[in-house]
């Protein structure tokens, strides 16, 4: 489809006059059964009920019932995971959502469950062992992992050809597009000064 777009613009003599931004929304990493953490192995410390668990991969999300302390769950889970007796336990770290690293911006919404586990790159969480063999891919892990990065390619009169720019977060692209269109952006999570870091030779 991209080839058809470019071919159509070239056929009309417009390719060099149109600004094109090609961007992905996330990266991807392979997952396999040898990269598993089984929650049933935490039974000596805490017995987790399946209906507490809302999501297992790429992060573990738990909402405990009334009367069960999230703080106690996190403490007991981390004790078990750090004991050396849970296979791959070092690839899961539990947090109260308000204690997650601030760079993740993942604590303010009421929709985020109170207990969040960060999962190692390419690892999966399962309740119990099974004979199922499954390999595939996943995204949504910590965005500090290189595998979670994606692409940004731009072409047109507002971009200098042959330039490479440093990595940046996708939230910055909105202000770049607003700058190209000479529009005043509405308040957003990007940086107002960011478009100046992308080579934009012509106004």
N, C-alpha and C. Protein backbone atom coordinates (compact mmCIF):
# COMPACT_ATOMS: atom_id res chain seq x y z
N UNK A 1 0.82 -1.21 0.00
CA UNK A 1 0.00 0.00 0.00
C UNK A 1 0.86 1.26 0.00
N UNK A 2 1.95 1.20 0.75
CA UNK A 2 2.85 2.35 0.77
C UNK A 2 3.49 2.55 -0.61
N UNK A 3 3.86 1.42 -1.24
CA UNK A 3 4.42 1.51 -2.59
C UNK A 3 3.44 2.11 -3.58
N UNK A 4 2.17 1.76 -3.47
CA UNK A 4 1.16 2.32 -4.36
C UNK A 4 1.00 3.81 -4.13
N UNK A 5 1.04 4.23 -2.86
CA UNK A 5 0.94 5.65 -2.55
C UNK A 5 2.09 6.43 -3.18
N UNK A 6 3.32 5.93 -2.97
CA UNK A 6 4.50 6.63 -3.51
C UNK A 6 4.47 6.62 -5.03
N UNK A 7 4.13 5.47 -5.63
CA UNK A 7 4.07 5.40 -7.09
C UNK A 7 3.03 6.37 -7.64
N UNK A 8 1.90 6.49 -6.96
CA UNK A 8 0.87 7.42 -7.41
C UNK A 8 1.31 8.86 -7.32
N UNK A 9 2.01 9.19 -6.23
CA UNK A 9 2.52 10.56 -6.08
C UNK A 9 3.59 10.86 -7.11
N UNK A 10 4.46 9.88 -7.38
CA UNK A 10 5.50 10.08 -8.39
C UNK A 10 4.90 10.25 -9.77
N UNK A 11 3.87 9.45 -10.09
CA UNK A 11 3.23 9.54 -11.40
C UNK A 11 2.60 10.91 -11.61
N UNK A 12 2.22 11.57 -10.56
CA UNK A 12 1.59 12.89 -10.64
C UNK A 12 2.59 14.01 -10.42
N UNK A 13 3.88 13.64 -10.26
CA UNK A 13 4.91 14.65 -10.05
C UNK A 13 4.80 15.36 -8.72
N UNK A 14 4.26 14.67 -7.71
CA UNK A 14 3.98 15.31 -6.43
C UNK A 14 4.78 14.74 -5.26
N UNK A 15 5.57 13.68 -5.51
CA UNK A 15 6.20 12.97 -4.40
C UNK A 15 7.09 13.88 -3.56
N UNK A 16 7.83 14.78 -4.21
CA UNK A 16 8.75 15.66 -3.47
C UNK A 16 8.02 16.82 -2.81
N UNK A 17 6.73 16.97 -3.08
CA UNK A 17 5.97 18.09 -2.52
C UNK A 17 5.09 17.69 -1.34
N UNK A 18 5.03 16.39 -1.04
CA UNK A 18 4.14 15.90 0.01
C UNK A 18 4.96 15.40 1.19
N UNK A 19 4.59 15.84 2.38
CA UNK A 19 5.23 15.35 3.60
C UNK A 19 4.58 14.03 4.02
N UNK A 20 5.40 12.99 4.18
CA UNK A 20 4.93 11.67 4.58
C UNK A 20 5.65 11.26 5.86
N UNK A 21 4.88 10.81 6.85
CA UNK A 21 5.44 10.28 8.09
C UNK A 21 4.99 8.83 8.23
N UNK A 22 5.95 7.94 8.35
CA UNK A 22 5.68 6.52 8.56
C UNK A 22 6.13 6.15 9.96
N UNK A 23 5.21 5.66 10.78
CA UNK A 23 5.55 5.38 12.18
C UNK A 23 4.83 4.12 12.64
N UNK A 24 5.48 3.36 13.50
CA UNK A 24 4.84 2.20 14.13
C UNK A 24 4.39 2.57 15.53
N UNK A 25 3.48 1.79 16.09
CA UNK A 25 3.00 2.12 17.43
C UNK A 25 3.75 1.40 18.54
N UNK A 26 4.46 0.32 18.21
CA UNK A 26 5.22 -0.40 19.25
C UNK A 26 6.13 -1.42 18.59
N UNK A 27 7.02 -2.00 19.39
CA UNK A 27 7.89 -3.05 18.90
C UNK A 27 7.27 -4.42 19.16
N UNK A 28 8.10 -5.44 19.14
CA UNK A 28 7.62 -6.82 19.34
C UNK A 28 8.80 -7.67 19.80
N UNK A 29 8.51 -8.65 20.65
CA UNK A 29 9.56 -9.55 21.11
C UNK A 29 9.01 -10.97 21.10
N UNK A 30 9.87 -11.93 20.80
CA UNK A 30 9.45 -13.32 20.78
C UNK A 30 9.22 -13.87 22.18
N UNK A 31 8.24 -14.76 22.31
CA UNK A 31 7.95 -15.41 23.58
C UNK A 31 7.89 -16.92 23.36
N UNK A 32 8.42 -17.68 24.30
CA UNK A 32 8.39 -19.14 24.20
C UNK A 32 8.17 -19.75 25.57
N UNK A 33 7.81 -21.04 25.62
CA UNK A 33 7.47 -21.71 26.87
C UNK A 33 8.63 -21.77 27.86
N UNK A 34 9.85 -21.69 27.39
CA UNK A 34 10.96 -21.75 28.34
C UNK A 34 11.09 -20.43 29.11
N UNK A 35 10.34 -19.41 28.70
CA UNK A 35 10.34 -18.13 29.40
C UNK A 35 9.01 -17.93 30.12
N UNK A 36 8.79 -18.74 31.14
CA UNK A 36 7.53 -18.72 31.86
C UNK A 36 7.74 -18.56 33.36
N UNK A 37 6.80 -17.88 34.01
CA UNK A 37 6.72 -17.82 35.46
C UNK A 37 5.34 -18.34 35.84
N UNK A 38 5.30 -19.36 36.72
CA UNK A 38 4.03 -19.97 37.11
C UNK A 38 3.62 -19.47 38.49
N UNK A 39 2.45 -18.85 38.56
CA UNK A 39 2.00 -18.27 39.82
C UNK A 39 1.71 -19.34 40.87
N UNK A 40 1.40 -20.56 40.45
CA UNK A 40 1.13 -21.63 41.42
C UNK A 40 2.36 -21.93 42.29
N UNK A 41 3.55 -21.61 41.81
CA UNK A 41 4.76 -21.87 42.58
C UNK A 41 4.91 -20.91 43.76
N UNK A 42 4.05 -19.89 43.81
CA UNK A 42 4.07 -18.95 44.93
C UNK A 42 3.21 -19.43 46.10
N UNK A 43 2.59 -20.61 45.97
CA UNK A 43 1.66 -21.11 46.99
C UNK A 43 2.25 -21.14 48.41
N UNK A 44 3.53 -21.47 48.60
CA UNK A 44 4.06 -21.44 49.98
C UNK A 44 4.01 -20.06 50.62
N UNK A 45 3.93 -19.00 49.82
CA UNK A 45 3.89 -17.64 50.33
C UNK A 45 2.49 -17.05 50.26
N UNK A 46 1.80 -17.29 49.14
CA UNK A 46 0.46 -16.75 48.97
C UNK A 46 -0.26 -17.56 47.88
N UNK A 47 -1.51 -17.86 48.14
CA UNK A 47 -2.31 -18.57 47.14
C UNK A 47 -3.13 -17.55 46.36
N UNK A 48 -2.76 -17.34 45.12
CA UNK A 48 -3.45 -16.37 44.29
C UNK A 48 -4.67 -17.01 43.62
N UNK A 49 -5.80 -16.36 43.71
CA UNK A 49 -7.01 -16.84 43.07
C UNK A 49 -7.07 -16.35 41.62
N UNK A 50 -7.53 -17.21 40.75
CA UNK A 50 -7.54 -16.84 39.33
C UNK A 50 -8.44 -15.64 39.05
N UNK A 51 -9.50 -15.47 39.85
CA UNK A 51 -10.38 -14.33 39.59
C UNK A 51 -9.81 -13.01 40.11
N UNK A 52 -8.67 -13.06 40.81
CA UNK A 52 -7.97 -11.82 41.18
C UNK A 52 -7.16 -11.29 39.99
N UNK A 53 -6.76 -12.20 39.11
CA UNK A 53 -5.82 -11.86 38.04
C UNK A 53 -6.57 -11.37 36.81
N UNK A 54 -6.32 -10.12 36.43
CA UNK A 54 -7.01 -9.52 35.30
C UNK A 54 -6.21 -9.64 34.01
N UNK A 55 -4.90 -9.69 34.11
CA UNK A 55 -4.01 -9.77 32.95
C UNK A 55 -2.71 -10.40 33.40
N UNK A 56 -2.13 -11.24 32.54
CA UNK A 56 -0.89 -11.92 32.94
C UNK A 56 0.32 -11.51 32.11
N UNK A 57 0.13 -11.25 30.83
CA UNK A 57 1.25 -10.89 29.96
C UNK A 57 0.76 -9.81 28.99
N UNK A 58 1.53 -8.77 28.77
CA UNK A 58 2.94 -8.53 29.11
C UNK A 58 3.17 -7.91 30.49
N UNK A 59 2.10 -7.63 31.21
CA UNK A 59 2.28 -7.26 32.62
C UNK A 59 1.24 -8.04 33.42
N UNK A 60 1.51 -8.20 34.69
CA UNK A 60 0.60 -8.92 35.58
C UNK A 60 -0.24 -7.89 36.32
N UNK A 61 -1.54 -7.97 36.17
CA UNK A 61 -2.45 -7.02 36.82
C UNK A 61 -3.38 -7.79 37.76
N UNK A 62 -3.41 -7.38 39.02
CA UNK A 62 -4.18 -8.07 40.05
C UNK A 62 -5.07 -7.07 40.79
N UNK A 63 -6.32 -7.45 40.97
CA UNK A 63 -7.22 -6.68 41.82
C UNK A 63 -7.74 -7.62 42.90
N UNK A 64 -7.28 -7.43 44.11
CA UNK A 64 -7.68 -8.32 45.21
C UNK A 64 -9.06 -7.93 45.71
N UNK A 65 -9.79 -8.88 46.31
CA UNK A 65 -11.12 -8.57 46.84
C UNK A 65 -11.03 -7.73 48.10
N UNK A 66 -12.16 -7.14 48.48
CA UNK A 66 -12.20 -6.37 49.72
C UNK A 66 -11.75 -7.23 50.89
N UNK A 67 -10.98 -6.64 51.76
CA UNK A 67 -10.51 -7.36 52.94
C UNK A 67 -9.17 -8.03 52.75
N UNK A 68 -8.65 -8.03 51.52
CA UNK A 68 -7.33 -8.61 51.25
C UNK A 68 -6.39 -7.47 50.89
N UNK A 69 -5.38 -7.27 51.68
CA UNK A 69 -4.50 -6.11 51.54
C UNK A 69 -3.61 -6.20 50.30
N UNK A 70 -3.70 -5.24 49.36
CA UNK A 70 -2.77 -5.23 48.22
C UNK A 70 -1.31 -5.14 48.66
N UNK A 71 -1.04 -4.38 49.71
CA UNK A 71 0.33 -4.25 50.21
C UNK A 71 0.88 -5.60 50.66
N UNK A 72 0.05 -6.38 51.35
CA UNK A 72 0.47 -7.70 51.82
C UNK A 72 0.69 -8.65 50.65
N UNK A 73 -0.16 -8.57 49.64
CA UNK A 73 0.00 -9.43 48.46
C UNK A 73 1.32 -9.14 47.77
N UNK A 74 1.61 -7.86 47.55
CA UNK A 74 2.86 -7.48 46.89
C UNK A 74 4.06 -7.97 47.69
N UNK A 75 4.02 -7.79 49.00
CA UNK A 75 5.15 -8.19 49.84
C UNK A 75 5.37 -9.69 49.78
N UNK A 76 4.29 -10.47 49.89
CA UNK A 76 4.43 -11.92 49.89
C UNK A 76 4.86 -12.44 48.52
N UNK A 77 4.34 -11.84 47.46
CA UNK A 77 4.73 -12.27 46.12
C UNK A 77 6.21 -11.99 45.88
N UNK A 78 6.66 -10.79 46.23
CA UNK A 78 8.07 -10.46 46.02
C UNK A 78 8.99 -11.32 46.88
N UNK A 79 8.53 -11.68 48.07
CA UNK A 79 9.33 -12.57 48.91
C UNK A 79 9.51 -13.92 48.22
N UNK A 80 8.43 -14.46 47.70
CA UNK A 80 8.52 -15.74 47.00
C UNK A 80 9.33 -15.66 45.73
N UNK A 81 9.11 -14.60 44.95
CA UNK A 81 9.82 -14.45 43.68
C UNK A 81 11.33 -14.29 43.90
N UNK A 82 11.71 -13.71 45.02
CA UNK A 82 13.12 -13.50 45.31
C UNK A 82 13.77 -14.62 46.09
N UNK A 83 13.01 -15.67 46.35
CA UNK A 83 13.52 -16.75 47.19
C UNK A 83 14.46 -17.71 46.46
N UNK A 84 14.44 -17.68 45.13
CA UNK A 84 15.21 -18.64 44.36
C UNK A 84 14.50 -19.96 44.18
N UNK A 85 13.30 -20.10 44.74
CA UNK A 85 12.55 -21.35 44.67
C UNK A 85 11.41 -21.30 43.64
N UNK A 86 11.24 -20.16 42.99
CA UNK A 86 10.24 -20.00 41.93
C UNK A 86 10.98 -19.87 40.61
N UNK A 87 10.75 -20.81 39.71
CA UNK A 87 11.47 -20.79 38.44
C UNK A 87 11.24 -19.48 37.71
N UNK A 88 12.31 -18.83 37.29
CA UNK A 88 12.28 -17.55 36.58
C UNK A 88 11.68 -16.42 37.42
N UNK A 89 11.65 -16.61 38.74
CA UNK A 89 11.06 -15.61 39.62
C UNK A 89 11.72 -14.24 39.51
N UNK A 90 12.98 -14.22 39.12
CA UNK A 90 13.69 -12.94 39.00
C UNK A 90 13.18 -12.10 37.83
N UNK A 91 12.33 -12.69 36.97
CA UNK A 91 11.80 -11.96 35.81
C UNK A 91 10.41 -11.40 36.05
N UNK A 92 10.00 -11.36 37.32
CA UNK A 92 8.73 -10.74 37.69
C UNK A 92 8.94 -9.92 38.96
N UNK A 93 8.56 -8.67 38.93
CA UNK A 93 8.69 -7.78 40.08
C UNK A 93 7.34 -7.12 40.32
N UNK A 94 6.84 -7.26 41.55
CA UNK A 94 5.52 -6.76 41.88
C UNK A 94 5.57 -5.37 42.51
N UNK A 95 4.54 -4.55 42.20
CA UNK A 95 4.45 -3.19 42.71
C UNK A 95 3.01 -2.86 43.07
N UNK A 96 2.83 -2.02 44.08
CA UNK A 96 1.59 -1.27 44.18
C UNK A 96 1.65 -0.24 43.06
N UNK A 97 0.54 0.03 42.39
CA UNK A 97 0.62 0.86 41.19
C UNK A 97 1.22 2.23 41.46
N UNK A 98 0.98 2.78 42.67
CA UNK A 98 1.52 4.11 42.96
C UNK A 98 3.03 4.08 43.20
N UNK A 99 3.61 2.87 43.30
CA UNK A 99 5.05 2.75 43.49
C UNK A 99 5.78 2.34 42.22
N UNK A 100 5.06 2.23 41.12
CA UNK A 100 5.71 1.94 39.84
C UNK A 100 6.66 3.07 39.46
N UNK A 101 7.70 2.79 38.66
CA UNK A 101 8.58 3.87 38.21
C UNK A 101 7.76 4.98 37.53
N UNK A 102 8.01 6.22 37.91
CA UNK A 102 7.21 7.35 37.41
C UNK A 102 7.32 7.51 35.90
N UNK A 103 8.43 7.05 35.31
CA UNK A 103 8.60 7.20 33.86
C UNK A 103 7.56 6.42 33.07
N UNK A 104 6.90 5.46 33.72
CA UNK A 104 5.89 4.65 33.02
C UNK A 104 4.54 5.35 32.93
N UNK A 105 4.33 6.39 33.74
CA UNK A 105 3.05 7.11 33.73
C UNK A 105 1.88 6.15 33.84
N UNK A 106 1.95 5.24 34.80
CA UNK A 106 0.96 4.18 34.88
C UNK A 106 0.44 4.02 36.31
N UNK A 107 -0.15 5.10 36.84
CA UNK A 107 -0.67 4.99 38.20
C UNK A 107 -1.91 5.84 38.45
N UNK A 108 -2.16 6.84 37.63
CA UNK A 108 -3.18 7.83 37.96
C UNK A 108 -4.62 7.36 37.72
N UNK A 109 -4.84 6.54 36.69
CA UNK A 109 -6.21 6.18 36.32
C UNK A 109 -6.81 5.16 37.29
N UNK A 110 -8.09 5.33 37.59
CA UNK A 110 -8.81 4.36 38.42
C UNK A 110 -8.94 3.01 37.73
N UNK A 111 -8.78 3.00 36.41
CA UNK A 111 -8.91 1.74 35.65
C UNK A 111 -7.69 0.83 35.82
N UNK A 112 -6.59 1.38 36.31
CA UNK A 112 -5.38 0.56 36.53
C UNK A 112 -5.54 -0.19 37.84
N UNK A 113 -5.46 -1.52 37.82
CA UNK A 113 -5.60 -2.30 39.06
C UNK A 113 -4.54 -1.91 40.08
N UNK A 114 -4.82 -2.13 41.36
CA UNK A 114 -3.90 -1.66 42.41
C UNK A 114 -2.57 -2.41 42.47
N UNK A 115 -2.51 -3.62 41.90
CA UNK A 115 -1.27 -4.42 41.95
C UNK A 115 -0.80 -4.70 40.53
N UNK A 116 0.44 -4.32 40.24
CA UNK A 116 0.99 -4.49 38.90
C UNK A 116 2.33 -5.20 39.00
N UNK A 117 2.52 -6.20 38.16
CA UNK A 117 3.79 -6.89 38.08
C UNK A 117 4.46 -6.60 36.76
N UNK A 118 5.71 -6.14 36.80
CA UNK A 118 6.48 -5.91 35.58
C UNK A 118 7.19 -7.21 35.21
N UNK A 119 7.00 -7.62 33.97
CA UNK A 119 7.48 -8.91 33.50
C UNK A 119 8.74 -8.72 32.66
N UNK A 120 9.70 -9.62 32.82
CA UNK A 120 10.93 -9.56 32.05
C UNK A 120 10.68 -9.66 30.56
N UNK A 121 11.58 -9.11 29.80
CA UNK A 121 11.45 -9.06 28.34
C UNK A 121 11.28 -10.46 27.75
N UNK A 122 10.17 -10.69 27.07
CA UNK A 122 9.91 -11.96 26.42
C UNK A 122 9.36 -13.04 27.33
N UNK A 123 9.21 -12.75 28.61
CA UNK A 123 8.67 -13.73 29.54
C UNK A 123 7.14 -13.64 29.61
N UNK A 124 6.51 -14.75 29.97
CA UNK A 124 5.06 -14.80 30.13
C UNK A 124 4.72 -15.34 31.51
N UNK A 125 3.56 -14.94 31.99
CA UNK A 125 3.05 -15.40 33.28
C UNK A 125 1.89 -16.34 33.03
N UNK A 126 1.86 -17.45 33.75
CA UNK A 126 0.73 -18.37 33.69
C UNK A 126 0.36 -18.82 35.10
N UNK A 127 -0.90 -19.16 35.29
CA UNK A 127 -1.35 -19.58 36.62
C UNK A 127 -0.70 -20.89 37.03
N UNK A 128 -0.69 -21.86 36.11
CA UNK A 128 -0.15 -23.18 36.46
C UNK A 128 0.49 -23.84 35.25
N UNK A 129 1.28 -24.84 35.51
CA UNK A 129 1.94 -25.58 34.45
C UNK A 129 0.91 -26.34 33.61
N UNK A 130 1.21 -26.49 32.33
CA UNK A 130 0.35 -27.28 31.45
C UNK A 130 1.25 -27.91 30.39
N UNK A 131 0.66 -28.78 29.58
CA UNK A 131 1.41 -29.43 28.51
C UNK A 131 1.35 -28.63 27.21
N UNK A 132 0.74 -27.48 27.25
CA UNK A 132 0.61 -26.66 26.06
C UNK A 132 1.97 -26.11 25.65
N UNK A 133 2.27 -26.23 24.37
CA UNK A 133 3.50 -25.65 23.83
C UNK A 133 3.12 -24.48 22.94
N UNK A 134 3.66 -23.34 23.27
CA UNK A 134 3.27 -22.15 22.52
C UNK A 134 4.45 -21.20 22.40
N UNK A 135 4.76 -20.81 21.19
CA UNK A 135 5.74 -19.76 20.93
C UNK A 135 5.09 -18.70 20.06
N UNK A 136 5.41 -17.47 20.31
CA UNK A 136 4.81 -16.39 19.54
C UNK A 136 5.54 -15.09 19.81
N UNK A 137 4.80 -14.03 19.88
CA UNK A 137 5.38 -12.72 20.13
C UNK A 137 4.41 -11.87 20.94
N UNK A 138 4.92 -10.84 21.58
CA UNK A 138 4.08 -9.96 22.38
C UNK A 138 4.71 -8.57 22.45
N UNK A 139 3.88 -7.62 22.79
CA UNK A 139 4.36 -6.25 23.03
C UNK A 139 3.66 -5.71 24.26
N UNK A 140 4.08 -4.55 24.72
CA UNK A 140 3.52 -3.98 25.93
C UNK A 140 4.40 -4.15 27.15
N UNK A 141 5.61 -4.69 26.95
CA UNK A 141 6.57 -4.77 28.04
C UNK A 141 7.11 -3.36 28.33
N UNK A 142 7.96 -3.27 29.35
CA UNK A 142 8.59 -2.00 29.71
C UNK A 142 9.17 -1.34 28.46
N UNK A 143 8.80 -0.09 28.24
CA UNK A 143 9.27 0.57 27.01
C UNK A 143 10.75 0.94 27.05
N UNK A 144 11.43 0.61 28.16
CA UNK A 144 12.89 0.79 28.19
C UNK A 144 13.59 -0.30 27.40
N UNK A 145 12.91 -1.42 27.13
CA UNK A 145 13.50 -2.49 26.34
C UNK A 145 13.63 -2.04 24.89
N UNK A 146 14.79 -2.29 24.30
CA UNK A 146 15.01 -1.90 22.90
C UNK A 146 14.00 -2.57 21.98
N UNK A 147 13.59 -3.78 22.31
CA UNK A 147 12.64 -4.51 21.46
C UNK A 147 11.28 -3.83 21.39
N UNK A 148 10.97 -2.95 22.32
CA UNK A 148 9.68 -2.26 22.30
C UNK A 148 9.72 -0.98 21.47
N UNK A 149 10.88 -0.65 20.93
CA UNK A 149 10.96 0.53 20.06
C UNK A 149 10.38 0.21 18.70
N UNK A 150 10.06 1.26 17.97
CA UNK A 150 9.48 1.08 16.64
C UNK A 150 10.17 2.01 15.66
N UNK A 151 9.55 2.27 14.51
CA UNK A 151 10.21 3.03 13.45
C UNK A 151 9.62 4.43 13.31
N UNK A 152 10.41 5.32 12.79
CA UNK A 152 9.96 6.64 12.36
C UNK A 152 10.72 6.97 11.09
N UNK A 153 10.00 7.13 10.00
CA UNK A 153 10.60 7.50 8.72
C UNK A 153 9.79 8.66 8.16
N UNK A 154 10.45 9.69 7.71
CA UNK A 154 9.74 10.86 7.18
C UNK A 154 10.39 11.31 5.87
N UNK A 155 9.57 11.85 4.99
CA UNK A 155 10.04 12.33 3.68
C UNK A 155 9.18 13.49 3.27
N UNK A 156 9.79 14.46 2.63
CA UNK A 156 9.03 15.58 2.10
C UNK A 156 9.78 16.88 2.24
N UNK A 157 9.15 17.96 1.80
CA UNK A 157 9.84 19.27 1.79
C UNK A 157 10.16 19.80 3.17
N UNK A 158 9.52 19.31 4.20
CA UNK A 158 9.81 19.79 5.55
C UNK A 158 10.84 18.93 6.29
N UNK A 159 11.42 17.95 5.59
CA UNK A 159 12.41 17.08 6.22
C UNK A 159 13.68 17.05 5.40
N UNK A 160 14.83 17.11 6.08
CA UNK A 160 16.11 17.00 5.40
C UNK A 160 16.39 15.54 5.08
N UNK A 161 16.70 15.27 3.83
CA UNK A 161 16.99 13.91 3.41
C UNK A 161 18.29 13.38 4.00
N UNK A 162 18.34 12.08 4.21
CA UNK A 162 19.57 11.44 4.67
C UNK A 162 19.95 11.70 6.09
N UNK A 163 19.03 12.22 6.90
CA UNK A 163 19.34 12.52 8.29
C UNK A 163 18.79 11.43 9.22
N UNK A 164 19.50 11.15 10.29
CA UNK A 164 19.02 10.26 11.34
C UNK A 164 18.84 11.09 12.61
N UNK A 165 17.70 10.93 13.26
CA UNK A 165 17.44 11.68 14.49
C UNK A 165 17.49 10.72 15.67
N UNK A 166 17.83 11.22 16.85
CA UNK A 166 17.86 10.35 18.04
C UNK A 166 16.47 9.80 18.35
N UNK A 167 16.43 8.70 19.10
CA UNK A 167 15.15 8.10 19.48
C UNK A 167 14.31 9.08 20.29
N UNK A 168 13.00 8.96 20.14
CA UNK A 168 12.08 9.81 20.88
C UNK A 168 10.77 9.05 21.09
N UNK A 169 9.92 9.57 21.99
CA UNK A 169 8.64 8.94 22.27
C UNK A 169 7.60 9.37 21.23
N UNK A 170 6.69 8.45 20.91
CA UNK A 170 5.69 8.73 19.87
C UNK A 170 4.79 9.91 20.20
N UNK A 171 4.64 10.26 21.48
CA UNK A 171 3.78 11.39 21.83
C UNK A 171 4.30 12.70 21.24
N UNK A 172 5.56 12.72 20.81
CA UNK A 172 6.13 13.94 20.24
C UNK A 172 5.66 14.20 18.81
N UNK A 173 5.16 13.19 18.12
CA UNK A 173 4.84 13.33 16.70
C UNK A 173 3.70 14.32 16.47
N UNK A 174 2.77 14.40 17.40
CA UNK A 174 1.64 15.33 17.25
C UNK A 174 2.11 16.75 17.03
N UNK A 175 3.08 17.19 17.84
CA UNK A 175 3.58 18.56 17.69
C UNK A 175 4.36 18.75 16.39
N UNK A 176 5.02 17.69 15.91
CA UNK A 176 5.70 17.77 14.62
C UNK A 176 4.67 18.00 13.51
N UNK A 177 3.58 17.23 13.53
CA UNK A 177 2.56 17.37 12.51
C UNK A 177 1.89 18.75 12.59
N UNK A 178 1.64 19.23 13.80
CA UNK A 178 1.05 20.56 13.96
C UNK A 178 1.97 21.63 13.39
N UNK A 179 3.28 21.47 13.61
CA UNK A 179 4.24 22.44 13.07
C UNK A 179 4.24 22.43 11.54
N UNK A 180 4.20 21.25 10.94
CA UNK A 180 4.17 21.15 9.48
C UNK A 180 2.93 21.83 8.91
N UNK A 181 1.81 21.66 9.59
CA UNK A 181 0.53 22.21 9.11
C UNK A 181 0.29 23.64 9.57
N UNK A 182 1.29 24.21 10.30
CA UNK A 182 1.16 25.57 10.83
C UNK A 182 -0.09 25.73 11.69
N UNK A 183 -0.34 24.73 12.52
CA UNK A 183 -1.48 24.75 13.44
C UNK A 183 -0.97 24.88 14.87
N UNK A 184 -1.78 25.52 15.70
CA UNK A 184 -1.44 25.61 17.12
C UNK A 184 -1.93 24.33 17.79
N UNK A 185 -1.02 23.53 18.36
CA UNK A 185 -1.45 22.26 18.98
C UNK A 185 -2.24 22.51 20.26
N UNK A 186 -3.18 21.65 20.53
CA UNK A 186 -3.86 21.70 21.82
C UNK A 186 -2.94 21.10 22.87
N UNK A 187 -3.20 21.33 24.15
CA UNK A 187 -2.32 20.77 25.19
C UNK A 187 -2.18 19.25 25.03
N UNK A 188 -0.95 18.77 25.16
CA UNK A 188 -0.69 17.35 24.95
C UNK A 188 0.54 16.94 25.75
N UNK A 189 0.87 15.65 25.68
CA UNK A 189 1.98 15.11 26.47
C UNK A 189 3.34 15.27 25.81
N UNK A 190 3.37 15.83 24.61
CA UNK A 190 4.64 16.07 23.94
C UNK A 190 5.28 17.36 24.42
N UNK A 191 6.47 17.64 23.88
CA UNK A 191 7.22 18.84 24.23
C UNK A 191 7.02 19.90 23.14
N UNK A 192 6.65 21.11 23.55
CA UNK A 192 6.40 22.17 22.58
C UNK A 192 7.63 22.46 21.72
N UNK A 193 8.81 22.26 22.29
CA UNK A 193 10.05 22.58 21.57
C UNK A 193 10.52 21.43 20.69
N UNK A 194 9.88 20.26 20.79
CA UNK A 194 10.41 19.09 20.11
C UNK A 194 10.51 19.23 18.60
N UNK A 195 9.53 19.83 17.90
CA UNK A 195 9.67 19.93 16.43
C UNK A 195 10.98 20.54 15.99
N UNK A 196 11.58 21.38 16.83
CA UNK A 196 12.86 21.99 16.48
C UNK A 196 14.01 21.00 16.45
N UNK A 197 13.82 19.83 17.03
CA UNK A 197 14.88 18.83 17.03
C UNK A 197 14.85 17.94 15.78
N UNK A 198 13.74 18.02 15.04
CA UNK A 198 13.62 17.29 13.77
C UNK A 198 14.00 18.26 12.66
N UNK A 199 14.92 17.89 11.78
CA UNK A 199 15.33 18.82 10.72
C UNK A 199 14.15 19.22 9.83
N UNK A 200 13.73 20.49 9.93
CA UNK A 200 12.63 21.01 9.14
C UNK A 200 13.16 22.22 8.37
N UNK A 201 13.74 22.03 7.19
CA UNK A 201 14.47 23.10 6.53
C UNK A 201 13.63 24.24 5.99
N UNK A 202 12.37 23.96 5.63
CA UNK A 202 11.55 24.97 4.98
C UNK A 202 10.31 25.28 5.80
N UNK A 203 9.90 26.52 5.83
CA UNK A 203 8.68 26.92 6.53
C UNK A 203 7.58 27.17 5.52
